[in-house]
Amino acid sequence: MPLVVDEIVQISYRGRCFGQRILLVTNWRVDTTASTASVLDDLTNIATDFEATSVPGSICDVYMACLATDYTLEAVRAQVVRPSRSLYVDRTSAAVGTGQSACETANLAGTVTRVSLAAGRKGIATNHLGPLPSDAMVDGGLDSLQLGALGQWGVDFASPRTVTAGTIALLPVILHPVGSPIASSDILTFRTSNTVRVMRRRTLHVGE
């Protein structure tokens, strides 16, 4: 049985910089699908699409352009998380950051806030994109080149995306806690910030 409409698929980019785990987690709602494959096959196709680099329309290339050259992507993980969890599928990768320089520390990031129609804090999702290239930071803020890269990330990760295999149309969403009246809110737009943020992380190799 394939994925069905309104299931939520979580896409996570799992990489490292200086031995530190770097995670980027996004959620997508199945809007339409023509797939007749299994759920695992659909997840494999989705993970493959989100990991693909150096191809037209690569969403992974857009993400890598935000990151310092010291960053290495190890895998893209796809998993159904609503209405129930499925097995996850990992697509291994060796992509690296293609930002304007290397970095001196792994925990500095730029931010992109994606926004839905839902009122209050539940209607926004802020993603921390790092490690930041050292050359991207000027007087405590971000230069125009880095803001441009973050802006393109916002465009791609706040827009619908169709996975060619199975013609699976995905909408980016904000996932709400279990028990909420609605499972998710569709993302409509985004905003970038000039502020450099510090990413807080758990102890290495704990809780992965």
Protein backbone atom coordinates (compact mmCIF):
# COMPACT_ATOMS: atom_id res chain seq x y z
CA MET A 1 0.00 0.00 0.00
CA PRO A 2 1.40 3.44 -0.93
CA LEU A 3 1.38 6.65 1.06
CA VAL A 4 -2.07 8.18 1.34
CA VAL A 5 -3.27 11.78 1.21
CA ASP A 6 -2.80 13.80 4.43
CA GLU A 7 -0.16 11.52 5.93
CA ILE A 8 2.75 13.54 7.34
CA VAL A 9 6.25 12.63 6.20
CA GLN A 10 9.20 13.87 8.24
CA ILE A 11 12.37 14.64 6.29
CA SER A 12 15.55 15.03 8.33
CA TYR A 13 19.01 15.96 7.11
CA ARG A 14 21.61 14.25 9.29
CA GLY A 15 25.16 15.57 9.04
CA ARG A 16 28.28 16.41 11.04
CA CYS A 17 30.75 19.20 11.55
CA PHE A 18 33.82 18.79 13.76
CA GLY A 19 32.28 15.55 15.08
CA GLN A 20 29.06 17.27 16.17
CA ARG A 21 25.73 15.97 14.94
CA ILE A 22 23.81 18.59 12.94
CA LEU A 23 20.09 17.93 12.35
CA LEU A 24 17.60 19.73 10.15
CA VAL A 25 14.04 18.42 10.55
CA THR A 26 11.13 19.39 8.29
CA ASN A 27 7.62 17.98 7.88
CA TRP A 28 5.58 17.56 4.71
CA ARG A 29 1.93 16.59 4.12
CA VAL A 30 1.01 14.29 1.24
CA ASP A 31 -1.32 16.41 -0.91
CA THR A 32 -1.80 14.09 -3.88
CA THR A 33 -0.17 10.90 -5.08
CA ALA A 34 -0.35 8.59 -8.08
CA SER A 35 1.93 5.98 -6.53
CA THR A 36 0.98 2.32 -6.51
CA ALA A 37 4.15 1.21 -4.70
CA SER A 38 4.62 0.36 -1.02
CA VAL A 39 5.05 2.96 1.71
CA LEU A 40 8.73 2.03 2.04
CA ASP A 41 9.24 2.44 -1.69
CA ASP A 42 7.53 5.84 -1.56
CA LEU A 43 9.73 6.90 1.37
CA THR A 44 12.82 5.71 -0.50
CA ASN A 45 11.83 7.82 -3.51
CA ILE A 46 11.20 10.86 -1.30
CA ALA A 47 14.52 10.50 0.53
CA THR A 48 16.30 10.08 -2.81
CA ASP A 49 14.67 13.26 -4.16
CA PHE A 50 15.60 15.33 -1.10
CA GLU A 51 19.18 14.02 -1.12
CA ALA A 52 19.90 14.42 -4.85
CA THR A 53 22.63 16.93 -5.67
CA SER A 54 23.95 18.54 -8.85
CA VAL A 55 20.62 18.03 -10.63
CA PRO A 56 18.08 20.64 -11.77
CA GLY A 57 15.78 21.68 -8.94
CA SER A 58 17.94 20.07 -6.23
CA ILE A 59 16.61 21.08 -2.82
CA CYS A 60 19.70 19.58 -1.20
CA ASP A 61 21.99 21.91 -3.20
CA VAL A 62 20.00 24.85 -1.85
CA TYR A 63 20.53 23.65 1.72
CA MET A 64 24.24 22.95 1.19
CA ALA A 65 24.73 26.51 -0.11
CA CYS A 66 23.77 27.79 3.37
CA LEU A 67 26.46 25.77 5.17
CA ALA A 68 30.19 26.02 5.78
CA THR A 69 32.48 23.79 3.74
CA ASP A 70 33.39 21.82 6.91
CA TYR A 71 29.88 20.31 7.01
CA THR A 72 29.25 16.81 5.64
CA LEU A 73 25.79 15.39 5.05
CA GLU A 74 25.64 11.72 6.02
CA ALA A 75 22.03 10.80 5.27
CA VAL A 76 18.55 12.06 4.47
CA ARG A 77 15.88 10.26 6.49
CA ALA A 78 12.21 9.93 5.50
CA GLN A 79 9.55 8.61 7.87
CA VAL A 80 5.78 8.79 8.22
CA VAL A 81 5.01 10.40 11.60
CA ARG A 82 1.23 10.95 11.39
CA PRO A 83 -1.30 9.51 11.85
CA SER A 84 1.12 6.80 13.03
CA ARG A 85 4.85 6.21 12.69
CA SER A 86 6.36 4.00 10.03
CA LEU A 87 9.82 2.55 9.66
CA TYR A 88 12.27 5.18 8.48
CA VAL A 89 14.32 5.07 5.30
CA ASP A 90 17.83 6.55 5.12
CA ARG A 91 19.41 7.71 1.89
CA THR A 92 23.15 7.90 2.47
CA SER A 93 25.01 10.94 1.21
CA ALA A 94 28.45 12.48 0.94
CA ALA A 95 27.32 16.01 0.09
CA VAL A 96 29.27 18.85 1.70
CA GLY A 97 28.55 22.46 2.50
CA THR A 98 29.12 24.81 -0.42
CA GLY A 99 28.89 28.12 1.42
CA GLN A 100 31.44 30.90 0.94
CA SER A 101 34.03 29.55 3.41
CA ALA A 102 34.89 27.12 6.19
CA CYS A 103 33.80 27.76 9.79
CA GLU A 104 35.58 28.08 13.12
CA THR A 105 32.80 26.55 15.23
CA ALA A 106 29.95 24.16 14.50
CA ASN A 107 27.24 25.83 16.56
CA LEU A 108 26.61 29.16 14.84
CA ALA A 109 23.59 29.35 12.56
CA GLY A 110 21.36 31.60 10.52
CA THR A 111 17.60 31.30 10.89
CA VAL A 112 14.61 31.06 8.59
CA THR A 113 11.13 31.26 10.11
CA ARG A 114 8.36 29.58 8.14
CA VAL A 115 4.84 30.83 8.79
CA SER A 116 1.34 29.33 8.51
CA LEU A 117 -2.14 30.81 8.98
CA ALA A 118 -2.42 29.35 12.49
CA ALA A 119 -2.41 32.00 15.21
CA GLY A 120 0.24 32.21 17.92
CA ARG A 121 3.51 30.37 18.37
CA LYS A 122 2.04 27.14 16.98
CA GLY A 123 1.76 28.86 13.61
CA ILE A 124 5.50 29.41 13.10
CA ALA A 125 8.54 27.16 12.78
CA THR A 126 12.07 28.54 13.00
CA ASN A 127 14.84 26.49 11.46
CA HIS A 128 18.49 27.01 12.44
CA LEU A 129 20.77 26.51 9.45
CA GLY A 130 24.38 25.94 10.37
CA PRO A 131 27.30 25.75 10.65
CA LEU A 132 27.65 29.26 9.25
CA PRO A 133 30.61 30.06 6.99
CA SER A 134 32.95 32.36 8.90
CA ASP A 135 33.09 34.77 5.96
CA ALA A 136 29.29 35.14 6.10
CA MET A 137 29.39 37.03 9.40
CA VAL A 138 29.97 40.77 9.41
CA ASP A 139 29.76 42.92 12.56
CA GLY A 140 27.67 40.30 14.35
CA GLY A 141 25.22 39.90 11.48
CA LEU A 142 25.03 38.14 8.12
CA ASP A 143 26.25 39.46 4.80
CA SER A 144 24.08 39.77 1.69
CA LEU A 145 25.41 36.56 0.12
CA GLN A 146 24.41 34.49 3.16
CA LEU A 147 21.03 36.19 3.41
CA GLY A 148 20.47 35.34 -0.24
CA ALA A 149 21.26 31.67 0.41
CA LEU A 150 18.90 31.61 3.40
CA GLY A 151 16.22 33.30 1.32
CA GLN A 152 16.47 30.64 -1.39
CA TRP A 153 16.23 27.95 1.30
CA GLY A 154 13.07 29.63 2.53
CA VAL A 155 11.59 29.65 -0.97
CA ASP A 156 12.25 25.94 -1.53
CA PHE A 157 11.29 24.72 1.94
CA ALA A 158 8.12 26.82 2.11
CA SER A 159 6.88 25.73 -1.33
CA PRO A 160 5.08 22.58 -2.53
CA ARG A 161 7.37 19.91 -3.96
CA THR A 162 6.52 17.01 -6.26
CA VAL A 163 8.59 13.83 -6.15
CA THR A 164 8.72 12.52 -9.70
CA ALA A 165 8.70 8.82 -8.81
CA GLY A 166 5.08 8.12 -7.94
CA THR A 167 4.13 11.75 -8.63
CA ILE A 168 3.89 12.43 -4.90
CA ALA A 169 2.95 16.06 -4.21
CA LEU A 170 4.15 17.28 -0.81
CA LEU A 171 3.19 20.44 1.07
CA PRO A 172 5.50 21.82 3.81
CA VAL A 173 3.75 21.93 7.18
CA ILE A 174 4.22 22.77 10.83
CA LEU A 175 3.58 19.62 12.87
CA HIS A 176 1.42 20.06 15.97
CA PRO A 177 1.65 17.93 19.15
CA VAL A 178 -0.29 14.70 19.44
CA GLY A 179 -3.78 15.46 20.70
CA SER A 180 -4.07 18.85 18.99
CA PRO A 181 -7.34 19.55 17.12
CA ILE A 182 -5.40 19.47 13.83
CA ALA A 183 -2.27 17.47 13.03
CA SER A 184 -0.50 20.20 11.09
CA SER A 185 -0.73 23.64 9.50
CA ASP A 186 0.32 24.30 5.91
CA ILE A 187 3.26 26.70 5.57
CA LEU A 188 2.47 29.73 3.42
CA THR A 189 5.49 32.01 3.59
CA PHE A 190 8.80 32.63 5.38
CA ARG A 191 11.09 35.34 6.69
CA THR A 192 14.86 35.44 7.19
CA SER A 193 16.82 37.07 9.99
CA ASN A 194 20.12 38.93 9.92
CA THR A 195 20.94 37.63 13.42
CA VAL A 196 23.61 35.02 14.12
CA ARG A 197 22.22 32.39 16.48
CA VAL A 198 23.88 29.77 18.68
CA MET A 199 22.56 26.23 18.18
CA ARG A 200 22.09 24.29 21.41
CA ARG A 201 22.73 20.59 21.12
CA ARG A 202 22.71 17.44 23.17
CA THR A 203 25.88 15.61 24.20
CA LEU A 204 27.57 13.91 21.28
CA HIS A 205 26.11 10.47 20.46
CA VAL A 206 23.39 10.82 23.13
CA GLY A 207 19.76 10.72 22.06
CA GLU A 208 20.37 10.16 18.33
